[in-house]
């Protein structure tokens, strides 16, 4: 199920160390950057819970309440250095 993949990717990015900001793109064209892992909350993984599909994100001067179904992509943000922890010598 696509929502399971979206949820898994968001959780992977939230838990990555060191944390790197990532973006969530909504199907309506909205884009929000998750600057800190504390700025996003998802409903429980229990599919029987009526809030299981909800996602709340706080970004720069904006708060989005959406559903996993409405998220089109989740992407790491290139911070101008190699991803994966390698640093230039």
PDB file of N, CA and C in Angstrom:
ATOM      1  N   UNK A   1       0.847  -1.176   0.000  1.00  0.00           N
ATOM      2  CA  UNK A   1       0.000   0.000   0.000  1.00  0.00           C
ATOM      3  C   UNK A   1       0.903   1.253   0.000  1.00  0.00           C
ATOM      4  N   UNK A   2       0.575   2.232  -0.817  1.00  0.00           N
ATOM      5  CA  UNK A   2       1.395   3.432  -0.970  1.00  0.00           C
ATOM      6  C   UNK A   2       1.540   4.203   0.338  1.00  0.00           C
ATOM      7  N   UNK A   3       0.485   4.282   1.128  1.00  0.00           N
ATOM      8  CA  UNK A   3       0.577   5.033   2.387  1.00  0.00           C
ATOM      9  C   UNK A   3       1.559   4.377   3.347  1.00  0.00           C
ATOM     10  N   UNK A   4       1.690   3.062   3.312  1.00  0.00           N
ATOM     11  CA  UNK A   4       2.667   2.371   4.156  1.00  0.00           C
ATOM     12  C   UNK A   4       4.094   2.753   3.755  1.00  0.00           C
ATOM     13  N   UNK A   5       4.323   2.878   2.460  1.00  0.00           N
ATOM     14  CA  UNK A   5       5.648   3.276   1.960  1.00  0.00           C
ATOM     15  C   UNK A   5       5.955   4.715   2.377  1.00  0.00           C
ATOM     16  N   UNK A   6       4.983   5.605   2.240  1.00  0.00           N
ATOM     17  CA  UNK A   6       5.168   7.004   2.642  1.00  0.00           C
ATOM     18  C   UNK A   6       5.457   7.079   4.137  1.00  0.00           C
ATOM     19  N   UNK A   7       4.666   6.375   4.954  1.00  0.00           N
ATOM     20  CA  UNK A   7       4.882   6.372   6.406  1.00  0.00           C
ATOM     21  C   UNK A   7       6.286   5.856   6.737  1.00  0.00           C
ATOM     22  N   UNK A   8       6.695   4.755   6.125  1.00  0.00           N
ATOM     23  CA  UNK A   8       8.017   4.177   6.393  1.00  0.00           C
ATOM     24  C   UNK A   8       9.142   5.140   6.029  1.00  0.00           C
ATOM     25  N   UNK A   9       8.994   5.825   4.908  1.00  0.00           N
ATOM     26  CA  UNK A   9      10.036   6.768   4.483  1.00  0.00           C
ATOM     27  C   UNK A   9      10.109   7.960   5.434  1.00  0.00           C
ATOM     28  N   UNK A  10       8.975   8.476   5.858  1.00  0.00           N
ATOM     29  CA  UNK A  10       8.971   9.587   6.815  1.00  0.00           C
ATOM     30  C   UNK A  10       9.638   9.143   8.124  1.00  0.00           C
ATOM     31  N   UNK A  11       9.287   7.968   8.620  1.00  0.00           N
ATOM     32  CA  UNK A  11       9.895   7.468   9.859  1.00  0.00           C
ATOM     33  C   UNK A  11      11.396   7.282   9.709  1.00  0.00           C
ATOM     34  N   UNK A  12      11.835   6.768   8.566  1.00  0.00           N
ATOM     35  CA  UNK A  12      13.274   6.595   8.316  1.00  0.00           C
ATOM     36  C   UNK A  12      13.991   7.938   8.375  1.00  0.00           C
ATOM     37  N   UNK A  13      13.409   8.955   7.749  1.00  0.00           N
ATOM     38  CA  UNK A  13      14.034  10.275   7.726  1.00  0.00           C
ATOM     39  C   UNK A  13      14.014  10.949   9.098  1.00  0.00           C
ATOM     40  N   UNK A  14      12.946  10.762   9.848  1.00  0.00           N
ATOM     41  CA  UNK A  14      12.856  11.330  11.193  1.00  0.00           C
ATOM     42  C   UNK A  14      13.929  10.733  12.103  1.00  0.00           C
ATOM     43  N   UNK A  15      14.160   9.438  11.962  1.00  0.00           N
ATOM     44  CA  UNK A  15      15.068   8.726  12.856  1.00  0.00           C
ATOM     45  C   UNK A  15      16.522   8.743  12.397  1.00  0.00           C
ATOM     46  N   UNK A  16      16.805   9.282  11.215  1.00  0.00           N
ATOM     47  CA  UNK A  16      18.182   9.277  10.716  1.00  0.00           C
ATOM     48  C   UNK A  16      19.077  10.144  11.596  1.00  0.00           C
ATOM     49  N   UNK A  17      20.312   9.689  11.784  1.00  0.00           N
ATOM     50  CA  UNK A  17      21.303  10.432  12.571  1.00  0.00           C
ATOM     51  C   UNK A  17      22.569  10.564  11.767  1.00  0.00           C
ATOM     52  N   UNK A  18      23.120  11.728  11.585  1.00  0.00           N
ATOM     53  CA  UNK A  18      22.533  12.976  12.060  1.00  0.00           C
ATOM     54  C   UNK A  18      21.283  13.313  11.255  1.00  0.00           C
ATOM     55  N   UNK A  19      20.378  14.006  11.897  1.00  0.00           N
ATOM     56  CA  UNK A  19      19.127  14.375  11.251  1.00  0.00           C
ATOM     57  C   UNK A  19      19.398  15.369  10.125  1.00  0.00           C
ATOM     58  N   UNK A  20      18.754  15.169   9.002  1.00  0.00           N
ATOM     59  CA  UNK A  20      18.828  16.086   7.870  1.00  0.00           C
ATOM     60  C   UNK A  20      17.405  16.515   7.511  1.00  0.00           C
ATOM     61  N   UNK A  21      17.164  17.803   7.333  1.00  0.00           N
ATOM     62  CA  UNK A  21      15.827  18.254   6.924  1.00  0.00           C
ATOM     63  C   UNK A  21      15.382  17.540   5.641  1.00  0.00           C
ATOM     64  N   UNK A  22      14.096  17.344   5.515  1.00  0.00           N
ATOM     65  CA  UNK A  22      13.538  16.738   4.311  1.00  0.00           C
ATOM     66  C   UNK A  22      12.260  17.469   3.947  1.00  0.00           C
ATOM     67  N   UNK A  23      11.775  17.215   2.733  1.00  0.00           N
ATOM     68  CA  UNK A  23      10.567  17.893   2.287  1.00  0.00           C
ATOM     69  C   UNK A  23       9.469  16.895   1.997  1.00  0.00           C
ATOM     70  N   UNK A  24       8.264  17.383   2.223  1.00  0.00           N
ATOM     71  CA  UNK A  24       7.063  16.620   1.905  1.00  0.00           C
ATOM     72  C   UNK A  24       6.322  17.401   0.835  1.00  0.00           C
ATOM     73  N   UNK A  25       5.992  16.723  -0.245  1.00  0.00           N
ATOM     74  CA  UNK A  25       5.245  17.338  -1.340  1.00  0.00           C
ATOM     75  C   UNK A  25       3.835  16.785  -1.341  1.00  0.00           C
ATOM     76  N   UNK A  26       2.878  17.714  -1.319  1.00  0.00           N
ATOM     77  CA  UNK A  26       1.462  17.351  -1.290  1.00  0.00           C
ATOM     78  C   UNK A  26       0.929  17.364  -2.725  1.00  0.00           C
ATOM     79  N   UNK A  27      -0.045  16.513  -3.000  1.00  0.00           N
ATOM     80  CA  UNK A  27      -0.587  16.400  -4.357  1.00  0.00           C
ATOM     81  C   UNK A  27      -1.140  17.713  -4.901  1.00  0.00           C
ATOM     82  N   UNK A  28      -1.554  18.635  -4.030  1.00  0.00           N
ATOM     83  CA  UNK A  28      -2.089  19.916  -4.506  1.00  0.00           C
ATOM     84  C   UNK A  28      -0.993  20.904  -4.876  1.00  0.00           C
ATOM     85  N   UNK A  29       0.278  20.486  -4.757  1.00  0.00           N
ATOM     86  CA  UNK A  29       1.398  21.348  -5.123  1.00  0.00           C
ATOM     87  C   UNK A  29       2.098  21.984  -3.933  1.00  0.00           C
ATOM     88  N   UNK A  30       1.494  21.920  -2.755  1.00  0.00           N
ATOM     89  CA  UNK A  30       2.153  22.457  -1.561  1.00  0.00           C
ATOM     90  C   UNK A  30       3.401  21.649  -1.253  1.00  0.00           C
ATOM     91  N   UNK A  31       4.403  22.342  -0.711  1.00  0.00           N
ATOM     92  CA  UNK A  31       5.663  21.717  -0.319  1.00  0.00           C
ATOM     93  C   UNK A  31       6.024  22.267   1.045  1.00  0.00           C
ATOM     94  N   UNK A  32       6.413  21.400   1.951  1.00  0.00           N
ATOM     95  CA  UNK A  32       6.807  21.854   3.270  1.00  0.00           C
ATOM     96  C   UNK A  32       8.092  21.140   3.675  1.00  0.00           C
ATOM     97  N   UNK A  33       9.011  21.916   4.239  1.00  0.00           N
ATOM     98  CA  UNK A  33      10.279  21.377   4.708  1.00  0.00           C
ATOM     99  C   UNK A  33      10.153  21.055   6.192  1.00  0.00           C
ATOM    100  N   UNK A  34      10.575  19.860   6.564  1.00  0.00           N
ATOM    101  CA  UNK A  34      10.576  19.430   7.963  1.00  0.00           C
ATOM    102  C   UNK A  34      11.981  19.701   8.498  1.00  0.00           C
ATOM    103  N   UNK A  35      12.138  20.864   9.145  1.00  0.00           N
ATOM    104  CA  UNK A  35      13.454  21.309   9.623  1.00  0.00           C
ATOM    105  C   UNK A  35      13.969  20.491  10.799  1.00  0.00           C
ATOM    106  N   UNK A  36      13.071  20.022  11.655  1.00  0.00           N
ATOM    107  CA  UNK A  36      13.445  19.269  12.855  1.00  0.00           C
ATOM    108  C   UNK A  36      12.481  18.108  13.024  1.00  0.00           C
ATOM    109  N   UNK A  37      12.937  16.986  13.571  1.00  0.00           N
ATOM    110  CA  UNK A  37      12.030  15.842  13.728  1.00  0.00           C
ATOM    111  C   UNK A  37      10.849  16.132  14.649  1.00  0.00           C
ATOM    112  N   UNK A  38      10.988  17.129  15.511  1.00  0.00           N
ATOM    113  CA  UNK A  38       9.887  17.486  16.411  1.00  0.00           C
ATOM    114  C   UNK A  38       8.772  18.244  15.691  1.00  0.00           C
ATOM    115  N   UNK A  39       9.006  18.620  14.441  1.00  0.00           N
ATOM    116  CA  UNK A  39       8.036  19.428  13.696  1.00  0.00           C
ATOM    117  C   UNK A  39       7.040  18.595  12.900  1.00  0.00           C
ATOM    118  N   UNK A  40       7.032  17.290  13.111  1.00  0.00           N
ATOM    119  CA  UNK A  40       6.097  16.439  12.382  1.00  0.00           C
ATOM    120  C   UNK A  40       5.489  15.417  13.343  1.00  0.00           C
ATOM    121  N   UNK A  41       4.214  15.163  13.170  1.00  0.00           N
ATOM    122  CA  UNK A  41       3.520  14.146  13.969  1.00  0.00           C
ATOM    123  C   UNK A  41       2.604  13.365  13.041  1.00  0.00           C
ATOM    124  N   UNK A  42       2.574  12.051  13.245  1.00  0.00           N
ATOM    125  CA  UNK A  42       1.708  11.197  12.451  1.00  0.00           C
ATOM    126  C   UNK A  42       0.790  10.422  13.384  1.00  0.00           C
ATOM    127  N   UNK A  43      -0.347  10.042  12.850  1.00  0.00           N
ATOM    128  CA  UNK A  43      -1.263   9.214  13.615  1.00  0.00           C
ATOM    129  C   UNK A  43      -0.652   7.858  13.880  1.00  0.00           C
ATOM    130  N   UNK A  44      -1.273   7.074  14.747  1.00  0.00           N
ATOM    131  CA  UNK A  44      -0.740   5.747  15.086  1.00  0.00           C
ATOM    132  C   UNK A  44      -0.744   4.815  13.874  1.00  0.00           C
ATOM    133  N   UNK A  45       0.123   3.814  13.915  1.00  0.00           N
ATOM    134  CA  UNK A  45       0.196   2.856  12.808  1.00  0.00           C
ATOM    135  C   UNK A  45      -0.998   1.916  12.767  1.00  0.00           C
ATOM    136  N   UNK A  46      -1.778   1.887  13.819  1.00  0.00           N
ATOM    137  CA  UNK A  46      -2.963   1.030  13.890  1.00  0.00           C
ATOM    138  C   UNK A  46      -3.997   1.503  12.876  1.00  0.00           C
ATOM    139  N   UNK A  47      -4.193   0.732  11.830  1.00  0.00           N
ATOM    140  CA  UNK A  47      -5.099   1.120  10.742  1.00  0.00           C
ATOM    141  C   UNK A  47      -6.551   1.246  11.186  1.00  0.00           C
ATOM    142  N   UNK A  48      -6.902   0.678  12.326  1.00  0.00           N
ATOM    143  CA  UNK A  48      -8.282   0.784  12.800  1.00  0.00           C
ATOM    144  C   UNK A  48      -8.541   2.109  13.512  1.00  0.00           C
ATOM    145  N   UNK A  49      -7.483   2.833  13.851  1.00  0.00           N
ATOM    146  CA  UNK A  49      -7.617   4.132  14.510  1.00  0.00           C
ATOM    147  C   UNK A  49      -8.036   5.167  13.466  1.00  0.00           C
ATOM    148  N   UNK A  50      -9.045   5.949  13.767  1.00  0.00           N
ATOM    149  CA  UNK A  50      -9.558   6.917  12.777  1.00  0.00           C
ATOM    150  C   UNK A  50      -8.557   8.024  12.459  1.00  0.00           C
ATOM    151  N   UNK A  51      -7.516   8.205  13.278  1.00  0.00           N
ATOM    152  CA  UNK A  51      -6.492   9.219  13.026  1.00  0.00           C
ATOM    153  C   UNK A  51      -5.217   8.637  12.417  1.00  0.00           C
ATOM    154  N   UNK A  52      -5.214   7.363  12.080  1.00  0.00           N
ATOM    155  CA  UNK A  52      -4.011   6.677  11.609  1.00  0.00           C
ATOM    156  C   UNK A  52      -3.410   7.304  10.358  1.00  0.00           C
ATOM    157  N   UNK A  53      -4.212   7.899   9.539  1.00  0.00           N
ATOM    158  CA  UNK A  53      -3.751   8.432   8.250  1.00  0.00           C
ATOM    159  C   UNK A  53      -3.322   9.901   8.314  1.00  0.00           C
ATOM    160  N   UNK A  54      -3.466  10.535   9.454  1.00  0.00           N
ATOM    161  CA  UNK A  54      -3.200  11.975   9.559  1.00  0.00           C
ATOM    162  C   UNK A  54      -1.727  12.304   9.759  1.00  0.00           C
ATOM    163  N   UNK A  55      -1.345  13.449   9.172  1.00  0.00           N
ATOM    164  CA  UNK A  55       0.017  13.965   9.303  1.00  0.00           C
ATOM    165  C   UNK A  55      -0.083  15.459   9.596  1.00  0.00           C
ATOM    166  N   UNK A  56       0.649  15.918  10.602  1.00  0.00           N
ATOM    167  CA  UNK A  56       0.708  17.341  10.960  1.00  0.00           C
ATOM    168  C   UNK A  56       2.159  17.782  10.866  1.00  0.00           C
ATOM    169  N   UNK A  57       2.395  18.874  10.132  1.00  0.00           N
ATOM    170  CA  UNK A  57       3.752  19.378   9.961  1.00  0.00           C
ATOM    171  C   UNK A  57       3.769  20.879  10.226  1.00  0.00           C
ATOM    172  N   UNK A  58       4.760  21.312  10.993  1.00  0.00           N
ATOM    173  CA  UNK A  58       4.973  22.744  11.232  1.00  0.00           C
ATOM    174  C   UNK A  58       6.236  23.140  10.488  1.00  0.00           C
ATOM    175  N   UNK A  59       6.104  24.134   9.610  1.00  0.00           N
ATOM    176  CA  UNK A  59       7.243  24.646   8.857  1.00  0.00           C
ATOM    177  C   UNK A  59       7.399  26.125   9.114  1.00  0.00           C
ATOM    178  N   UNK A  60       8.168  26.780   8.262  1.00  0.00           N
ATOM    179  CA  UNK A  60       8.365  28.217   8.388  1.00  0.00           C
ATOM    180  C   UNK A  60       7.038  28.941   8.218  1.00  0.00           C
ATOM    181  N   UNK A  61       6.487  29.440   9.293  1.00  0.00           N
ATOM    182  CA  UNK A  61       5.263  30.238   9.318  1.00  0.00           C
ATOM    183  C   UNK A  61       4.061  29.533   8.703  1.00  0.00           C
ATOM    184  N   UNK A  62       4.071  28.195   8.696  1.00  0.00           N
ATOM    185  CA  UNK A  62       2.949  27.451   8.137  1.00  0.00           C
ATOM    186  C   UNK A  62       2.762  26.153   8.921  1.00  0.00           C
ATOM    187  N   UNK A  63       1.520  25.726   9.029  1.00  0.00           N
ATOM    188  CA  UNK A  63       1.218  24.432   9.620  1.00  0.00           C
ATOM    189  C   UNK A  63       0.281  23.707   8.666  1.00  0.00           C
ATOM    190  N   UNK A  64       0.628  22.488   8.351  1.00  0.00           N
ATOM    191  CA  UNK A  64      -0.185  21.704   7.430  1.00  0.00           C
ATOM    192  C   UNK A  64      -0.721  20.487   8.165  1.00  0.00           C
ATOM    193  N   UNK A  65      -1.995  20.264   8.017  1.00  0.00           N
ATOM    194  CA  UNK A  65      -2.644  19.047   8.498  1.00  0.00           C
ATOM    195  C   UNK A  65      -3.166  18.351   7.247  1.00  0.00           C
ATOM    196  N   UNK A  66      -2.657  17.161   6.979  1.00  0.00           N
ATOM    197  CA  UNK A  66      -3.034  16.445   5.771  1.00  0.00           C
ATOM    198  C   UNK A  66      -3.146  14.960   6.088  1.00  0.00           C
ATOM    199  N   UNK A  67      -3.239  14.160   5.057  1.00  0.00           N
ATOM    200  CA  UNK A  67      -3.285  12.713   5.229  1.00  0.00           C
ATOM    201  C   UNK A  67      -2.142  12.074   4.445  1.00  0.00           C
ATOM    202  N   UNK A  68      -1.788  10.865   4.811  1.00  0.00           N
ATOM    203  CA  UNK A  68      -0.752  10.149   4.067  1.00  0.00           C
ATOM    204  C   UNK A  68      -1.163   9.970   2.610  1.00  0.00           C
ATOM    205  N   UNK A  69      -2.460   9.826   2.354  1.00  0.00           N
ATOM    206  CA  UNK A  69      -2.959   9.670   0.982  1.00  0.00           C
ATOM    207  C   UNK A  69      -2.653  10.884   0.107  1.00  0.00           C
ATOM    208  N   UNK A  70      -2.612  12.067   0.707  1.00  0.00           N
ATOM    209  CA  UNK A  70      -2.419  13.307  -0.049  1.00  0.00           C
ATOM    210  C   UNK A  70      -0.946  13.628  -0.300  1.00  0.00           C
ATOM    211  N   UNK A  71      -0.042  12.882   0.302  1.00  0.00           N
ATOM    212  CA  UNK A  71       1.392  13.130   0.107  1.00  0.00           C
ATOM    213  C   UNK A  71       1.830  12.423  -1.166  1.00  0.00           C
ATOM    214  N   UNK A  72       2.406  13.202  -2.089  1.00  0.00           N
ATOM    215  CA  UNK A  72       2.857  12.599  -3.345  1.00  0.00           C
ATOM    216  C   UNK A  72       4.284  12.088  -3.236  1.00  0.00           C
ATOM    217  N   UNK A  73       5.180  12.847  -2.587  1.00  0.00           N
ATOM    218  CA  UNK A  73       6.562  12.407  -2.427  1.00  0.00           C
ATOM    219  C   UNK A  73       7.144  12.922  -1.116  1.00  0.00           C
ATOM    220  N   UNK A  74       8.158  12.212  -0.665  1.00  0.00           N
ATOM    221  CA  UNK A  74       8.958  12.606   0.486  1.00  0.00           C
ATOM    222  C   UNK A  74      10.393  12.533  -0.001  1.00  0.00           C
ATOM    223  N   UNK A  75      11.159  13.608   0.196  1.00  0.00           N
ATOM    224  CA  UNK A  75      12.510  13.636  -0.368  1.00  0.00           C
ATOM    225  C   UNK A  75      13.519  14.269   0.573  1.00  0.00           C
ATOM    226  N   UNK A  76      14.716  13.684   0.590  1.00  0.00           N
ATOM    227  CA  UNK A  76      15.818  14.290   1.315  1.00  0.00           C
ATOM    228  C   UNK A  76      16.196  15.585   0.606  1.00  0.00           C
ATOM    229  N   UNK A  77      16.721  16.529   1.370  1.00  0.00           N
ATOM    230  CA  UNK A  77      17.153  17.801   0.794  1.00  0.00           C
ATOM    231  C   UNK A  77      18.667  17.792   0.713  1.00  0.00           C
ATOM    232  N   UNK A  78      19.200  18.076  -0.455  1.00  0.00           N
ATOM    233  CA  UNK A  78      20.646  18.167  -0.630  1.00  0.00           C
ATOM    234  C   UNK A  78      21.122  19.441   0.044  1.00  0.00           C
ATOM    235  N   UNK A  79      21.922  19.291   1.085  1.00  0.00           N
ATOM    236  CA  UNK A  79      22.406  20.428   1.868  1.00  0.00           C
ATOM    237  C   UNK A  79      23.718  20.996   1.322  1.00  0.00           C
ATOM    238  N   UNK A  80      24.075  20.619   0.096  1.00  0.00           N
ATOM    239  CA  UNK A  80      25.302  21.146  -0.496  1.00  0.00           C
ATOM    240  C   UNK A  80      26.525  20.324  -0.140  1.00  0.00           C
ATOM    241  N   UNK A  81      26.319  19.148   0.447  1.00  0.00           N
ATOM    242  CA  UNK A  81      27.427  18.251   0.735  1.00  0.00           C
ATOM    243  C   UNK A  81      26.965  16.827   0.447  1.00  0.00           C
ATOM    244  N   UNK A  82      27.891  15.903   0.278  1.00  0.00           N
ATOM    245  CA  UNK A  82      27.495  14.541  -0.066  1.00  0.00           C
ATOM    246  C   UNK A  82      26.555  13.935   0.972  1.00  0.00           C
ATOM    247  N   UNK A  83      25.559  13.200   0.525  1.00  0.00           N
ATOM    248  CA  UNK A  83      24.625  12.524   1.419  1.00  0.00           C
ATOM    249  C   UNK A  83      25.287  11.231   1.886  1.00  0.00           C
ATOM    250  N   UNK A  84      24.834  10.700   2.982  1.00  0.00           N
ATOM    251  CA  UNK A  84      25.367   9.423   3.465  1.00  0.00           C
ATOM    252  C   UNK A  84      26.497   9.571   4.448  1.00  0.00           C
ATOM    253  N   UNK A  85      26.795  10.775   4.908  1.00  0.00           N
ATOM    254  CA  UNK A  85      27.776  10.969   5.943  1.00  0.00           C
ATOM    255  C   UNK A  85      29.200  11.200   5.466  1.00  0.00           C
ATOM    256  N   UNK A  86      29.465  11.029   4.176  1.00  0.00           N
ATOM    257  CA  UNK A  86      30.823  11.290   3.680  1.00  0.00           C
ATOM    258  C   UNK A  86      31.072  12.783   3.628  1.00  0.00           C
ATOM    259  N   UNK A  87      32.239  13.175   4.032  1.00  0.00           N
ATOM    260  CA  UNK A  87      32.568  14.602   3.974  1.00  0.00           C
ATOM    261  C   UNK A  87      33.746  14.789   3.032  1.00  0.00           C
ATOM    262  N   UNK A  88      33.786  15.917   2.326  1.00  0.00           N
ATOM    263  CA  UNK A  88      34.893  16.155   1.398  1.00  0.00           C
ATOM    264  C   UNK A  88      36.202  16.285   2.168  1.00  0.00           C
ATOM    265  N   UNK A  89      37.266  15.827   1.563  1.00  0.00           N
ATOM    266  CA  UNK A  89      38.589  15.897   2.215  1.00  0.00           C
ATOM    267  C   UNK A  89      39.338  17.133   1.786  1.00  0.00           C
TER     268      UNK A  89
END
